[in-house]
N, C-alpha and C. Protein backbone atom coordinates (compact mmCIF):
# COMPACT_ATOMS: atom_id res chain seq x y z
N MET A 1 8.37 6.78 18.62
CA MET A 1 7.59 8.05 18.34
C MET A 1 8.69 9.39 18.79
N PRO A 2 9.50 9.15 20.08
CA PRO A 2 10.68 10.26 20.48
C PRO A 2 11.84 10.14 19.23
N PHE A 3 11.81 8.97 18.98
CA PHE A 3 13.06 8.77 17.74
C PHE A 3 12.72 9.30 16.62
N ARG A 4 11.57 9.09 15.99
CA ARG A 4 11.39 9.55 14.85
C ARG A 4 10.99 10.82 14.67
N SER A 5 10.04 11.53 15.72
CA SER A 5 9.69 12.99 15.40
C SER A 5 10.95 13.75 15.08
N PRO A 6 11.97 13.99 16.13
CA PRO A 6 13.24 14.70 16.02
C PRO A 6 13.89 14.60 14.57
N ALA A 7 13.96 13.37 14.14
CA ALA A 7 14.61 13.07 12.87
C ALA A 7 13.65 13.54 11.62
N CYS A 8 12.38 13.33 11.79
CA CYS A 8 11.56 13.77 10.43
C CYS A 8 11.79 15.55 10.69
N TRP A 9 11.70 16.03 11.98
CA TRP A 9 12.02 17.63 12.04
C TRP A 9 13.02 17.79 11.39
N ALA A 10 14.26 17.21 11.86
CA ALA A 10 15.60 17.74 11.28
C ALA A 10 15.83 17.64 9.79
N GLN A 11 15.18 16.69 9.29
CA GLN A 11 15.01 16.72 7.59
C GLN A 11 14.42 17.49 7.15
N TRP A 12 13.27 17.86 7.72
CA TRP A 12 12.62 19.12 7.00
C TRP A 12 13.22 20.08 7.20
N ALA A 13 13.82 20.49 8.52
CA ALA A 13 14.64 21.88 8.77
C ALA A 13 16.04 21.90 7.91
N LEU A 14 16.68 20.58 7.37
CA LEU A 14 17.90 20.38 6.73
C LEU A 14 17.30 20.58 5.01
N HIS A 15 15.79 20.88 4.72
CA HIS A 15 15.43 20.89 3.54
C HIS A 15 15.82 19.64 2.65
N TRP A 16 15.85 18.38 3.18
CA TRP A 16 15.85 17.14 2.92
C TRP A 16 17.09 16.87 2.11
N SER A 17 18.21 17.41 2.45
CA SER A 17 19.42 17.34 1.99
C SER A 17 19.74 15.68 1.97
N SER A 18 20.04 15.36 1.06
CA SER A 18 20.50 13.96 0.90
C SER A 18 21.58 13.40 1.60
N ARG A 19 22.65 14.28 1.83
CA ARG A 19 23.89 13.87 2.72
C ARG A 19 23.15 13.62 4.19
N TRP A 20 22.40 14.38 4.82
CA TRP A 20 21.93 14.24 6.41
C TRP A 20 20.56 13.37 6.17
N SER A 21 19.74 13.51 5.11
CA SER A 21 18.47 12.77 5.25
C SER A 21 18.90 11.23 4.73
N ALA A 22 19.84 10.88 3.74
CA ALA A 22 20.05 9.41 3.54
C ALA A 22 20.79 8.77 4.21
N PHE A 23 21.80 9.43 4.95
CA PHE A 23 22.85 8.65 5.58
C PHE A 23 22.46 8.69 7.30
N PHE A 24 22.32 9.97 7.79
CA PHE A 24 22.58 10.34 9.43
C PHE A 24 21.25 10.32 9.85
N LEU A 25 20.09 10.83 9.32
CA LEU A 25 18.76 11.10 9.98
C LEU A 25 18.04 9.54 9.56
N GLN A 26 18.33 8.59 8.73
CA GLN A 26 17.51 7.94 8.52
C GLN A 26 17.74 6.59 9.37
N VAL A 27 18.70 6.45 9.98
CA VAL A 27 19.05 5.22 11.25
C VAL A 27 18.13 5.59 12.24
N PRO A 28 17.66 6.66 12.82
CA PRO A 28 16.53 6.83 13.98
C PRO A 28 15.45 6.22 13.31
N ARG A 29 14.88 6.68 12.31
CA ARG A 29 13.61 6.50 11.65
C ARG A 29 13.51 5.08 11.36
N ASP A 30 14.77 4.29 10.92
CA ASP A 30 14.70 3.01 10.55
C ASP A 30 14.62 2.06 11.95
N LEU A 31 15.18 2.56 13.17
CA LEU A 31 15.16 1.79 14.38
C LEU A 31 13.89 1.78 14.88
N SER A 32 13.17 3.13 14.80
CA SER A 32 11.84 3.19 15.38
C SER A 32 10.65 2.26 14.68
N SER A 33 10.75 2.17 13.35
CA SER A 33 9.74 1.57 12.48
C SER A 33 9.10 0.21 12.74
N PRO A 34 9.93 -0.55 13.53
CA PRO A 34 9.20 -1.85 13.94
C PRO A 34 8.36 -1.55 15.19
N PHE A 35 8.55 -0.43 16.08
CA PHE A 35 7.85 -0.17 17.18
C PHE A 35 6.81 0.57 16.83
N ILE A 36 6.82 1.46 15.77
CA ILE A 36 5.69 2.09 15.19
C ILE A 36 4.60 1.18 14.69
N SER A 37 5.24 0.09 14.03
CA SER A 37 4.26 -1.10 13.29
C SER A 37 3.60 -1.81 14.33
N LEU A 38 4.22 -1.93 15.83
CA LEU A 38 3.46 -2.75 16.57
C LEU A 38 2.54 -1.97 17.10
N GLY A 39 2.79 -0.79 17.36
CA GLY A 39 1.53 0.02 17.69
C GLY A 39 0.45 0.24 16.93
N TYR A 40 0.78 0.39 15.79
CA TYR A 40 -0.30 0.40 14.55
C TYR A 40 -1.25 -0.98 14.65
N ALA A 41 -0.44 -2.02 14.73
CA ALA A 41 -1.05 -3.37 14.93
C ALA A 41 -1.79 -3.47 16.17
N THR A 42 -1.46 -3.02 17.25
CA THR A 42 -2.04 -3.11 18.39
C THR A 42 -3.30 -2.23 18.50
N LEU A 43 -3.37 -1.15 18.06
CA LEU A 43 -4.72 -0.21 17.79
C LEU A 43 -5.62 -0.83 16.83
N ILE A 44 -5.28 -1.41 15.89
CA ILE A 44 -6.20 -2.19 14.84
C ILE A 44 -6.86 -3.48 15.67
N LEU A 45 -5.91 -4.05 16.29
CA LEU A 45 -6.46 -5.78 16.82
C LEU A 45 -7.44 -4.88 18.25
N ALA A 46 -7.20 -3.72 18.84
CA ALA A 46 -7.95 -3.53 19.93
C ALA A 46 -9.41 -2.95 19.53
N TRP A 47 -9.28 -2.41 18.48
CA TRP A 47 -10.72 -1.92 17.70
C TRP A 47 -11.21 -2.68 16.62
N TRP A 48 -10.63 -3.80 16.35
CA TRP A 48 -10.99 -4.63 15.16
C TRP A 48 -12.64 -5.06 15.39
N LEU A 49 -13.24 -5.45 16.12
CA LEU A 49 -14.72 -5.53 16.26
C LEU A 49 -15.43 -4.34 15.96
N GLN A 50 -14.97 -3.21 16.19
CA GLN A 50 -15.76 -2.05 15.60
C GLN A 50 -15.30 -1.86 13.94
N LEU A 51 -14.03 -2.08 13.69
CA LEU A 51 -13.52 -1.84 12.38
C LEU A 51 -14.36 -2.87 11.53
N ALA A 52 -14.36 -3.95 11.89
CA ALA A 52 -15.16 -4.99 10.95
C ALA A 52 -16.36 -4.70 10.76
N ARG A 53 -17.20 -3.81 11.15
CA ARG A 53 -18.36 -3.57 10.82
C ARG A 53 -18.61 -2.83 9.67
N TRP A 54 -17.72 -2.12 9.45
CA TRP A 54 -17.70 -1.02 8.35
C TRP A 54 -17.38 -1.57 7.01
N ARG A 55 -18.18 -1.32 6.07
CA ARG A 55 -18.10 -1.55 4.83
C ARG A 55 -16.92 -1.44 4.04
N PHE A 56 -15.95 -0.42 4.67
CA PHE A 56 -14.77 0.09 4.26
C PHE A 56 -13.76 -1.02 4.48
N SER A 57 -13.91 -1.64 5.41
CA SER A 57 -12.97 -2.79 6.14
C SER A 57 -13.18 -4.10 4.93
N TYR A 58 -14.28 -4.20 4.27
CA TYR A 58 -14.19 -5.22 3.28
C TYR A 58 -13.53 -4.71 2.13
N ALA A 59 -13.45 -3.64 1.79
CA ALA A 59 -12.77 -2.90 0.63
C ALA A 59 -11.49 -3.37 0.94
N ILE A 60 -10.80 -2.78 2.21
CA ILE A 60 -9.39 -3.19 2.23
C ILE A 60 -9.04 -4.60 2.36
N GLN A 61 -10.11 -5.64 2.94
CA GLN A 61 -9.66 -6.89 2.85
C GLN A 61 -9.75 -7.38 1.33
N CYS A 62 -10.28 -6.68 0.34
CA CYS A 62 -10.25 -7.17 -0.93
C CYS A 62 -8.83 -6.61 -1.71
N VAL A 63 -8.33 -5.57 -1.23
CA VAL A 63 -7.27 -5.16 -1.73
C VAL A 63 -5.86 -5.98 -1.15
N GLY A 64 -6.14 -6.36 0.22
CA GLY A 64 -5.28 -7.38 0.79
C GLY A 64 -5.25 -8.87 0.19
N ARG A 65 -6.20 -9.28 -0.43
CA ARG A 65 -6.46 -10.55 -0.98
C ARG A 65 -5.70 -10.34 -2.58
N MET A 66 -5.47 -9.20 -3.18
CA MET A 66 -4.89 -8.97 -4.12
C MET A 66 -3.51 -8.06 -4.28
N ALA A 67 -2.65 -8.30 -3.08
CA ALA A 67 -1.85 -7.58 -2.87
C ALA A 67 -0.54 -7.16 -3.72
N LEU A 68 -0.20 -8.47 -4.25
CA LEU A 68 0.81 -8.28 -5.55
C LEU A 68 0.24 -7.76 -6.85
N THR A 69 -1.15 -8.03 -7.21
CA THR A 69 -1.55 -7.12 -8.20
C THR A 69 -1.45 -5.79 -7.97
N ASN A 70 -2.21 -5.27 -6.65
CA ASN A 70 -2.37 -3.96 -6.52
C ASN A 70 -1.05 -3.26 -6.27
N TYR A 71 0.23 -3.89 -5.77
CA TYR A 71 1.39 -3.43 -5.82
C TYR A 71 1.91 -2.96 -7.47
N VAL A 72 1.69 -4.30 -8.29
CA VAL A 72 2.23 -3.63 -9.62
C VAL A 72 1.11 -2.53 -10.19
N LEU A 73 -0.10 -2.72 -9.78
CA LEU A 73 -0.96 -1.81 -10.50
C LEU A 73 -0.39 -0.26 -9.97
N GLN A 74 -0.39 -0.16 -8.64
CA GLN A 74 0.15 1.09 -8.35
C GLN A 74 1.48 1.84 -8.72
N THR A 75 2.38 0.68 -9.11
CA THR A 75 3.82 0.99 -9.63
C THR A 75 3.37 1.38 -11.46
N LEU A 76 2.35 0.59 -11.88
CA LEU A 76 2.11 1.06 -13.45
C LEU A 76 1.51 2.38 -13.39
N ILE A 77 0.77 2.83 -12.26
CA ILE A 77 -0.02 4.18 -12.30
C ILE A 77 0.86 5.23 -12.17
N CYS A 78 1.85 5.07 -11.09
CA CYS A 78 2.55 6.23 -10.70
C CYS A 78 3.76 6.21 -12.00
N THR A 79 4.39 5.11 -12.47
CA THR A 79 5.31 5.35 -13.48
C THR A 79 4.85 5.80 -14.83
N THR A 80 3.59 5.42 -14.99
CA THR A 80 2.92 6.15 -16.06
C THR A 80 2.47 7.64 -15.94
N LEU A 81 2.09 7.98 -14.39
CA LEU A 81 2.04 9.68 -14.38
C LEU A 81 3.06 10.45 -14.31
N PHE A 82 4.11 9.70 -13.76
CA PHE A 82 5.28 10.68 -13.37
C PHE A 82 6.52 10.67 -14.59
N TYR A 83 6.47 9.52 -15.20
CA TYR A 83 7.56 9.39 -16.40
C TYR A 83 6.75 9.29 -17.80
N ARG A 84 5.96 8.69 -18.00
CA ARG A 84 4.99 8.91 -19.41
C ARG A 84 4.65 10.29 -19.56
N PHE A 85 3.88 10.68 -18.58
CA PHE A 85 3.16 12.27 -18.75
C PHE A 85 4.11 13.06 -18.18
N GLN A 86 5.46 12.71 -17.88
CA GLN A 86 6.61 13.80 -17.45
C GLN A 86 6.03 14.71 -16.36
N LEU A 87 5.66 13.98 -15.37
CA LEU A 87 5.30 14.75 -14.14
C LEU A 87 6.20 14.72 -12.82
N PHE A 88 7.36 14.04 -13.27
CA PHE A 88 8.49 13.68 -12.32
C PHE A 88 9.12 15.25 -11.97
N MET A 89 9.24 15.13 -10.81
CA MET A 89 9.85 16.40 -10.01
C MET A 89 9.15 17.67 -10.21
N HIS A 90 7.92 17.79 -10.71
CA HIS A 90 7.03 18.82 -10.90
C HIS A 90 6.29 19.18 -9.76
N TYR A 91 6.25 18.41 -8.46
CA TYR A 91 5.61 18.71 -7.38
C TYR A 91 6.17 18.49 -6.25
N ASP A 92 5.99 19.13 -5.05
CA ASP A 92 6.40 19.13 -3.84
C ASP A 92 5.98 17.90 -2.87
N ARG A 93 6.76 17.70 -1.99
CA ARG A 93 5.85 16.65 -1.05
C ARG A 93 4.69 16.51 -0.58
N LEU A 94 4.25 17.86 -0.42
CA LEU A 94 2.69 18.15 -0.06
C LEU A 94 1.85 18.07 -1.27
N GLN A 95 2.29 18.31 -2.35
CA GLN A 95 1.48 18.34 -3.53
C GLN A 95 1.31 16.92 -3.75
N LEU A 96 2.42 16.13 -3.43
CA LEU A 96 2.29 14.44 -4.13
C LEU A 96 1.43 14.14 -3.22
N LEU A 97 1.10 14.38 -1.79
CA LEU A 97 -0.11 13.63 -1.16
C LEU A 97 -1.39 13.76 -1.78
N ALA A 98 -1.57 14.57 -2.62
CA ALA A 98 -2.76 14.52 -3.59
C ALA A 98 -3.09 13.37 -4.21
N PHE A 99 -1.97 12.66 -4.82
CA PHE A 99 -2.05 11.69 -5.68
C PHE A 99 -2.20 10.50 -5.07
N VAL A 100 -2.09 10.43 -3.46
CA VAL A 100 -2.25 9.22 -2.69
C VAL A 100 -3.48 8.71 -2.85
N PRO A 101 -4.76 9.58 -2.42
CA PRO A 101 -5.93 9.10 -2.44
C PRO A 101 -6.48 8.69 -3.88
N ALA A 102 -5.94 9.03 -4.77
CA ALA A 102 -6.63 8.82 -5.97
C ALA A 102 -5.94 7.38 -6.52
N VAL A 103 -4.77 7.23 -6.46
CA VAL A 103 -4.21 5.85 -6.52
C VAL A 103 -4.72 4.84 -5.53
N TRP A 104 -5.07 5.27 -4.45
CA TRP A 104 -5.87 4.28 -3.29
C TRP A 104 -7.09 3.88 -3.95
N LEU A 105 -7.85 4.65 -4.13
CA LEU A 105 -9.22 4.51 -4.64
C LEU A 105 -9.34 3.57 -6.20
N VAL A 106 -8.53 3.86 -7.02
CA VAL A 106 -8.07 3.07 -8.04
C VAL A 106 -8.02 1.77 -7.54
N ASN A 107 -6.88 1.40 -6.61
CA ASN A 107 -6.91 0.26 -6.27
C ASN A 107 -8.04 -0.72 -5.76
N ILE A 108 -8.61 0.11 -4.78
CA ILE A 108 -9.79 -0.44 -4.05
C ILE A 108 -10.90 -0.58 -5.02
N LEU A 109 -11.30 0.10 -5.98
CA LEU A 109 -12.30 -0.04 -6.81
C LEU A 109 -11.86 -1.30 -7.75
N PHE A 110 -10.67 -1.15 -8.18
CA PHE A 110 -10.23 -2.45 -9.02
C PHE A 110 -10.38 -3.86 -8.47
N SER A 111 -9.94 -3.71 -7.08
CA SER A 111 -10.27 -4.93 -6.27
C SER A 111 -11.40 -5.48 -5.86
N LEU A 112 -12.48 -4.46 -5.73
CA LEU A 112 -13.66 -4.75 -5.22
C LEU A 112 -14.38 -5.47 -6.64
N LEU A 113 -14.00 -4.80 -8.01
CA LEU A 113 -14.79 -5.21 -9.17
C LEU A 113 -14.22 -6.46 -9.69
N TRP A 114 -12.94 -6.58 -9.41
CA TRP A 114 -12.23 -7.89 -9.76
C TRP A 114 -12.84 -9.38 -9.01
N LEU A 115 -12.68 -8.90 -7.68
CA LEU A 115 -13.53 -10.08 -6.92
C LEU A 115 -14.61 -10.54 -6.57
N ARG A 116 -15.41 -9.53 -7.47
CA ARG A 116 -16.76 -9.90 -7.78
C ARG A 116 -16.84 -11.07 -8.48
N PHE A 117 -15.94 -11.19 -9.33
CA PHE A 117 -15.84 -12.24 -10.75
C PHE A 117 -15.21 -13.49 -10.58
N PHE A 118 -13.88 -13.11 -9.55
CA PHE A 118 -12.97 -14.23 -9.57
C PHE A 118 -12.43 -14.14 -8.13
N SER A 119 -11.91 -15.33 -7.40
CA SER A 119 -11.49 -15.42 -5.96
C SER A 119 -10.20 -14.65 -5.78
N GLN A 120 -9.28 -14.55 -6.59
CA GLN A 120 -8.28 -14.08 -6.37
C GLN A 120 -7.50 -13.01 -7.50
N GLY A 121 -6.77 -12.35 -7.31
CA GLY A 121 -6.04 -11.35 -8.51
C GLY A 121 -5.32 -11.94 -9.22
N PRO A 122 -5.18 -11.31 -10.77
CA PRO A 122 -4.67 -12.23 -11.56
C PRO A 122 -3.49 -12.70 -11.50
N LEU A 123 -2.17 -11.79 -10.49
CA LEU A 123 -0.85 -12.01 -10.62
C LEU A 123 -1.04 -13.06 -9.44
N GLU A 124 -1.83 -12.82 -8.37
CA GLU A 124 -1.84 -14.00 -7.43
C GLU A 124 -2.14 -15.41 -8.03
N TRP A 125 -2.87 -15.37 -9.07
CA TRP A 125 -3.42 -16.76 -9.76
C TRP A 125 -1.97 -17.12 -10.76
N ALA A 126 -1.04 -16.10 -11.07
CA ALA A 126 -0.09 -16.54 -12.05
C ALA A 126 1.03 -17.01 -11.23
N VAL A 127 1.18 -16.67 -9.88
CA VAL A 127 2.25 -17.00 -9.08
C VAL A 127 1.79 -18.21 -8.21
N ALA A 128 0.43 -18.59 -8.17
CA ALA A 128 -0.24 -19.77 -7.12
C ALA A 128 0.27 -21.11 -7.93
N PRO A 129 0.54 -21.96 -7.11
CA PRO A 129 1.09 -23.32 -7.58
C PRO A 129 -0.50 -24.18 -8.02
N PRO A 130 -0.38 -24.98 -9.04
CA PRO A 130 -1.57 -25.65 -9.26
C PRO A 130 -2.15 -26.62 -8.18
N ASP A 131 -3.52 -26.95 -8.12
CA ASP A 131 -3.89 -27.60 -6.82
C ASP A 131 -3.52 -29.33 -7.12
N ALA A 132 -3.95 -30.03 -6.55
CA ALA A 132 -3.57 -31.58 -6.66
C ALA A 132 -4.05 -32.20 -7.98
N ALA A 133 -5.26 -31.60 -8.38
CA ALA A 133 -5.78 -32.07 -9.96
C ALA A 133 -5.14 -31.46 -11.09
N GLY A 134 -4.06 -30.57 -10.62
CA GLY A 134 -3.06 -29.93 -11.84
C GLY A 134 -3.81 -28.60 -12.21
N LYS A 135 -5.03 -28.22 -11.81
CA LYS A 135 -5.86 -27.30 -12.33
C LYS A 135 -5.38 -25.86 -11.63
N PRO A 136 -5.04 -24.80 -12.22
CA PRO A 136 -4.88 -23.40 -11.67
C PRO A 136 -5.88 -23.05 -10.86
N PRO A 137 -5.53 -22.28 -9.51
CA PRO A 137 -6.76 -21.87 -8.53
C PRO A 137 -7.35 -20.98 -8.80
N HIS A 138 -7.51 -20.56 -10.25
CA HIS A 138 -8.21 -19.20 -10.55
C HIS A 138 -9.51 -19.70 -11.12
N ARG A 139 -10.43 -19.56 -10.34
CA ARG A 139 -12.00 -19.77 -10.57
C ARG A 139 -12.80 -18.81 -10.04
N PRO A 140 -14.22 -18.65 -10.55
CA PRO A 140 -14.51 -17.66 -10.36
C PRO A 140 -15.18 -17.70 -8.70
N ALA A 141 -15.54 -16.38 -8.31
CA ALA A 141 -15.73 -16.41 -7.00
C ALA A 141 -17.07 -17.21 -6.43
N SER A 142 -17.00 -17.63 -5.23
CA SER A 142 -18.00 -18.58 -4.59
C SER A 142 -19.31 -17.61 -4.54
N GLY A 143 -20.50 -18.42 -4.90
CA GLY A 143 -21.76 -17.57 -4.85
C GLY A 143 -22.05 -16.73 -6.12
N GLN A 144 -21.03 -16.91 -7.39
CA GLN A 144 -21.46 -16.33 -8.79
C GLN A 144 -21.79 -17.26 -9.71
């Protein structure tokens, strides 16, 4: 945090100039990222028993089980919005934050619906090796 905050403030103060942001101020942010990730992981593990009781944690688990599929879905949504519908460079950073919950909601709903019928995502199935009997691991979810 002591490295990242001044670097983020400096990028904002310099109006995100690519010379400063991309070359000089990115280094402190990159160096602090592993420590911030460890901090988040520690917080989640410390509160896991309370978090696991929420229904929302199940939805996040579903998204995690379909990580590759959701990554590609997110890319397709944003590529369609910003290139196909020509929304690229029409919004500032603060306005772009409004798109994030909408894309997350699509990912979460798709994952919940898909995993009601199948045990894993379509792209996870496509890249998974077949089992010992030679069958692909794509079968209906248990209990269905």
